[in-house]
Each structure stands twice: as C-alpha cells, then as structure tokens.
Amino acid sequence: MTTNQATVPDADRFRPGDVWNNSRGVPHRVMRIERGVAHMVNENTGRTYNRPWDDLGWKSGRPWMRVSCGATK
C-alpha cells in the first residue's frame, strides 16, 4: 500500500482523527479540537486527555510522535 505524500499533512500539530504516541509510547487518538485544546483518548485505557493543539512536546524534550493521520480535507 502506498501513501500519496501530498495528502499527508505535516506533523506540526494535533488534528482530529490522528493517532499520536506520547513520550512513553502510549497511543492517543485525537477526537476533536476545541478552543485551542486537543481532546484525546488513551487507546489502551480509554481515559481522556487534553493538551494544547500545538504542544507536541519539543520544547520540553519529551516529544509526541504521530503514528497515523486522520482524514484530510
């Protein structure tokens, strides 16, 4: 299966439908973005998690890594 790189957005912020691993490798699915906050669900436990939509952890040295991206418009 090939992916058209032109349709895959940059991994510069959280987007609805994306799956991201936190710095410990735990996957979180982004459910929605509201008022600058990404609302996510921990894929392992089902617990919710909120984080600024553009805080990928680079400044703290604990980066999040995108596993898959959601639907693109």
N, C-alpha and C. Protein backbone atom coordinates (compact mmCIF):
# COMPACT_ATOMS: atom_id res chain seq x y z
N MET A 1 0.84 -1.17 0.00
CA MET A 1 0.00 0.00 0.00
C MET A 1 0.89 1.24 0.00
N THR A 2 0.63 2.16 -0.89
CA THR A 2 1.41 3.39 -0.95
C THR A 2 0.56 4.55 -0.46
N THR A 3 1.24 5.57 0.03
CA THR A 3 0.56 6.77 0.52
C THR A 3 0.99 7.94 -0.33
N ASN A 4 0.03 8.72 -0.78
CA ASN A 4 0.34 9.92 -1.51
C ASN A 4 0.79 10.97 -0.52
N GLN A 5 2.07 11.31 -0.51
CA GLN A 5 2.64 12.23 0.47
C GLN A 5 2.02 13.62 0.37
N ALA A 6 1.44 13.98 -0.77
CA ALA A 6 0.83 15.29 -0.92
C ALA A 6 -0.42 15.43 -0.06
N THR A 7 -1.06 14.31 0.28
CA THR A 7 -2.29 14.38 1.08
C THR A 7 -2.04 14.19 2.57
N VAL A 8 -0.83 13.87 2.97
CA VAL A 8 -0.50 13.68 4.38
C VAL A 8 -0.01 15.01 4.94
N PRO A 9 -0.74 15.57 5.92
CA PRO A 9 -0.31 16.87 6.47
C PRO A 9 0.95 16.74 7.32
N ASP A 10 1.64 17.85 7.49
CA ASP A 10 2.82 17.88 8.35
C ASP A 10 2.41 17.50 9.77
N ALA A 11 3.34 16.89 10.48
CA ALA A 11 3.09 16.51 11.88
C ALA A 11 3.50 17.67 12.79
N ASP A 12 2.84 18.82 12.59
CA ASP A 12 3.20 20.02 13.33
C ASP A 12 2.17 20.40 14.39
N ARG A 13 1.05 19.68 14.44
CA ARG A 13 0.01 19.92 15.44
C ARG A 13 -0.94 18.73 15.46
N PHE A 14 -1.74 18.67 16.51
CA PHE A 14 -2.74 17.62 16.61
C PHE A 14 -3.91 17.94 15.70
N ARG A 15 -4.44 16.91 15.03
CA ARG A 15 -5.61 17.06 14.17
C ARG A 15 -6.59 15.94 14.50
N PRO A 16 -7.91 16.22 14.38
CA PRO A 16 -8.90 15.17 14.65
C PRO A 16 -8.66 13.92 13.80
N GLY A 17 -8.72 12.77 14.44
CA GLY A 17 -8.51 11.50 13.75
C GLY A 17 -7.08 11.00 13.82
N ASP A 18 -6.14 11.87 14.16
CA ASP A 18 -4.74 11.45 14.28
C ASP A 18 -4.55 10.52 15.47
N VAL A 19 -3.56 9.64 15.36
CA VAL A 19 -3.12 8.83 16.50
C VAL A 19 -1.67 9.21 16.76
N TRP A 20 -1.39 9.58 18.01
CA TRP A 20 -0.06 10.00 18.42
C TRP A 20 0.41 9.16 19.58
N ASN A 21 1.70 8.83 19.61
CA ASN A 21 2.31 8.20 20.77
C ASN A 21 2.89 9.29 21.64
N ASN A 22 2.61 9.23 22.95
CA ASN A 22 3.23 10.20 23.85
C ASN A 22 4.69 9.83 24.06
N SER A 23 5.38 10.54 24.91
CA SER A 23 6.82 10.30 25.10
C SER A 23 7.12 8.92 25.68
N ARG A 24 6.13 8.28 26.25
CA ARG A 24 6.30 6.92 26.78
C ARG A 24 5.84 5.83 25.81
N GLY A 25 5.38 6.25 24.64
CA GLY A 25 4.97 5.29 23.62
C GLY A 25 3.52 4.84 23.72
N VAL A 26 2.71 5.53 24.51
CA VAL A 26 1.29 5.17 24.67
C VAL A 26 0.47 5.89 23.61
N PRO A 27 -0.31 5.17 22.81
CA PRO A 27 -1.07 5.81 21.73
C PRO A 27 -2.31 6.54 22.25
N HIS A 28 -2.53 7.73 21.66
CA HIS A 28 -3.70 8.55 21.97
C HIS A 28 -4.34 8.96 20.65
N ARG A 29 -5.67 8.85 20.57
CA ARG A 29 -6.41 9.27 19.38
C ARG A 29 -7.03 10.63 19.64
N VAL A 30 -6.80 11.56 18.70
CA VAL A 30 -7.37 12.91 18.81
C VAL A 30 -8.83 12.84 18.37
N MET A 31 -9.73 13.19 19.27
CA MET A 31 -11.16 13.14 18.97
C MET A 31 -11.66 14.45 18.37
N ARG A 32 -11.22 15.57 18.94
CA ARG A 32 -11.65 16.87 18.44
C ARG A 32 -10.70 17.96 18.95
N ILE A 33 -10.79 19.11 18.31
CA ILE A 33 -10.06 20.30 18.72
C ILE A 33 -11.09 21.37 19.04
N GLU A 34 -11.05 21.91 20.25
CA GLU A 34 -11.97 22.97 20.64
C GLU A 34 -11.20 24.05 21.38
N ARG A 35 -11.33 25.29 20.91
CA ARG A 35 -10.72 26.44 21.57
C ARG A 35 -9.23 26.25 21.86
N GLY A 36 -8.53 25.69 20.90
CA GLY A 36 -7.09 25.52 21.04
C GLY A 36 -6.66 24.34 21.88
N VAL A 37 -7.60 23.46 22.22
CA VAL A 37 -7.29 22.29 23.05
C VAL A 37 -7.62 21.02 22.27
N ALA A 38 -6.66 20.10 22.23
CA ALA A 38 -6.89 18.79 21.60
C ALA A 38 -7.44 17.85 22.67
N HIS A 39 -8.60 17.28 22.38
CA HIS A 39 -9.23 16.31 23.28
C HIS A 39 -8.92 14.92 22.73
N MET A 40 -8.21 14.12 23.53
CA MET A 40 -7.73 12.82 23.09
C MET A 40 -8.22 11.71 24.01
N VAL A 41 -8.12 10.48 23.51
CA VAL A 41 -8.45 9.29 24.28
C VAL A 41 -7.25 8.36 24.25
N ASN A 42 -6.84 7.89 25.42
CA ASN A 42 -5.77 6.91 25.52
C ASN A 42 -6.29 5.61 24.91
N GLU A 43 -5.62 5.10 23.90
CA GLU A 43 -6.08 3.89 23.19
C GLU A 43 -6.03 2.64 24.07
N ASN A 44 -5.18 2.63 25.10
CA ASN A 44 -5.07 1.45 25.95
C ASN A 44 -6.08 1.44 27.09
N THR A 45 -6.30 2.59 27.71
CA THR A 45 -7.15 2.64 28.90
C THR A 45 -8.51 3.27 28.67
N GLY A 46 -8.66 4.05 27.60
CA GLY A 46 -9.92 4.74 27.33
C GLY A 46 -10.07 6.05 28.09
N ARG A 47 -9.06 6.42 28.86
CA ARG A 47 -9.12 7.66 29.62
C ARG A 47 -8.91 8.85 28.67
N THR A 48 -9.54 9.97 29.02
CA THR A 48 -9.41 11.17 28.19
C THR A 48 -8.20 11.99 28.63
N TYR A 49 -7.71 12.78 27.70
CA TYR A 49 -6.52 13.60 27.93
C TYR A 49 -6.67 14.87 27.11
N ASN A 50 -6.34 16.00 27.69
CA ASN A 50 -6.42 17.28 27.00
C ASN A 50 -5.04 17.91 26.95
N ARG A 51 -4.72 18.51 25.80
CA ARG A 51 -3.40 19.10 25.59
C ARG A 51 -3.56 20.23 24.57
N PRO A 52 -2.79 21.31 24.70
CA PRO A 52 -2.86 22.36 23.68
C PRO A 52 -2.66 21.77 22.28
N TRP A 53 -3.42 22.26 21.31
CA TRP A 53 -3.44 21.69 19.97
C TRP A 53 -2.09 21.70 19.28
N ASP A 54 -1.18 22.58 19.70
CA ASP A 54 0.11 22.67 19.03
C ASP A 54 1.29 22.30 19.94
N ASP A 55 1.03 21.72 21.10
CA ASP A 55 2.10 21.35 22.03
C ASP A 55 2.51 19.89 21.82
N LEU A 56 3.51 19.71 20.98
CA LEU A 56 3.97 18.36 20.66
C LEU A 56 5.14 17.91 21.52
N GLY A 57 5.48 18.71 22.53
CA GLY A 57 6.49 18.32 23.49
C GLY A 57 7.93 18.59 23.09
N TRP A 58 8.16 19.28 21.99
CA TRP A 58 9.53 19.52 21.53
C TRP A 58 10.30 20.42 22.49
N LYS A 59 9.63 21.42 23.05
CA LYS A 59 10.32 22.35 23.95
C LYS A 59 10.73 21.68 25.26
N SER A 60 9.93 20.73 25.70
CA SER A 60 10.23 20.06 26.97
C SER A 60 11.19 18.89 26.80
N GLY A 61 11.46 18.51 25.57
CA GLY A 61 12.35 17.37 25.32
C GLY A 61 11.64 16.03 25.44
N ARG A 62 10.31 16.05 25.51
CA ARG A 62 9.52 14.83 25.59
C ARG A 62 8.51 14.82 24.43
N PRO A 63 9.00 14.65 23.20
CA PRO A 63 8.14 14.80 22.03
C PRO A 63 7.12 13.68 21.84
N TRP A 64 5.99 14.07 21.27
CA TRP A 64 4.98 13.12 20.82
C TRP A 64 5.28 12.79 19.37
N MET A 65 5.00 11.55 18.96
CA MET A 65 5.26 11.13 17.60
C MET A 65 3.96 10.63 16.97
N ARG A 66 3.64 11.15 15.79
CA ARG A 66 2.41 10.73 15.12
C ARG A 66 2.57 9.34 14.54
N VAL A 67 1.59 8.49 14.81
CA VAL A 67 1.58 7.12 14.32
C VAL A 67 0.79 7.06 13.01
N SER A 68 -0.35 7.73 12.98
CA SER A 68 -1.16 7.79 11.77
C SER A 68 -1.94 9.10 11.76
N CYS A 69 -2.29 9.54 10.56
CA CYS A 69 -3.04 10.79 10.47
C CYS A 69 -4.49 10.48 10.13
N GLY A 70 -5.36 11.38 10.56
CA GLY A 70 -6.79 11.25 10.30
C GLY A 70 -7.12 11.64 8.87
N ALA A 71 -8.38 11.75 8.62
CA ALA A 71 -8.85 12.13 7.30
C ALA A 71 -8.40 13.55 6.98
N THR A 72 -7.98 13.77 5.75
CA THR A 72 -7.58 15.10 5.32
C THR A 72 -8.70 15.70 4.49
N LYS A 73 -8.77 17.00 4.54
CA LYS A 73 -9.84 17.69 3.79
C LYS A 73 -9.41 18.01 2.39
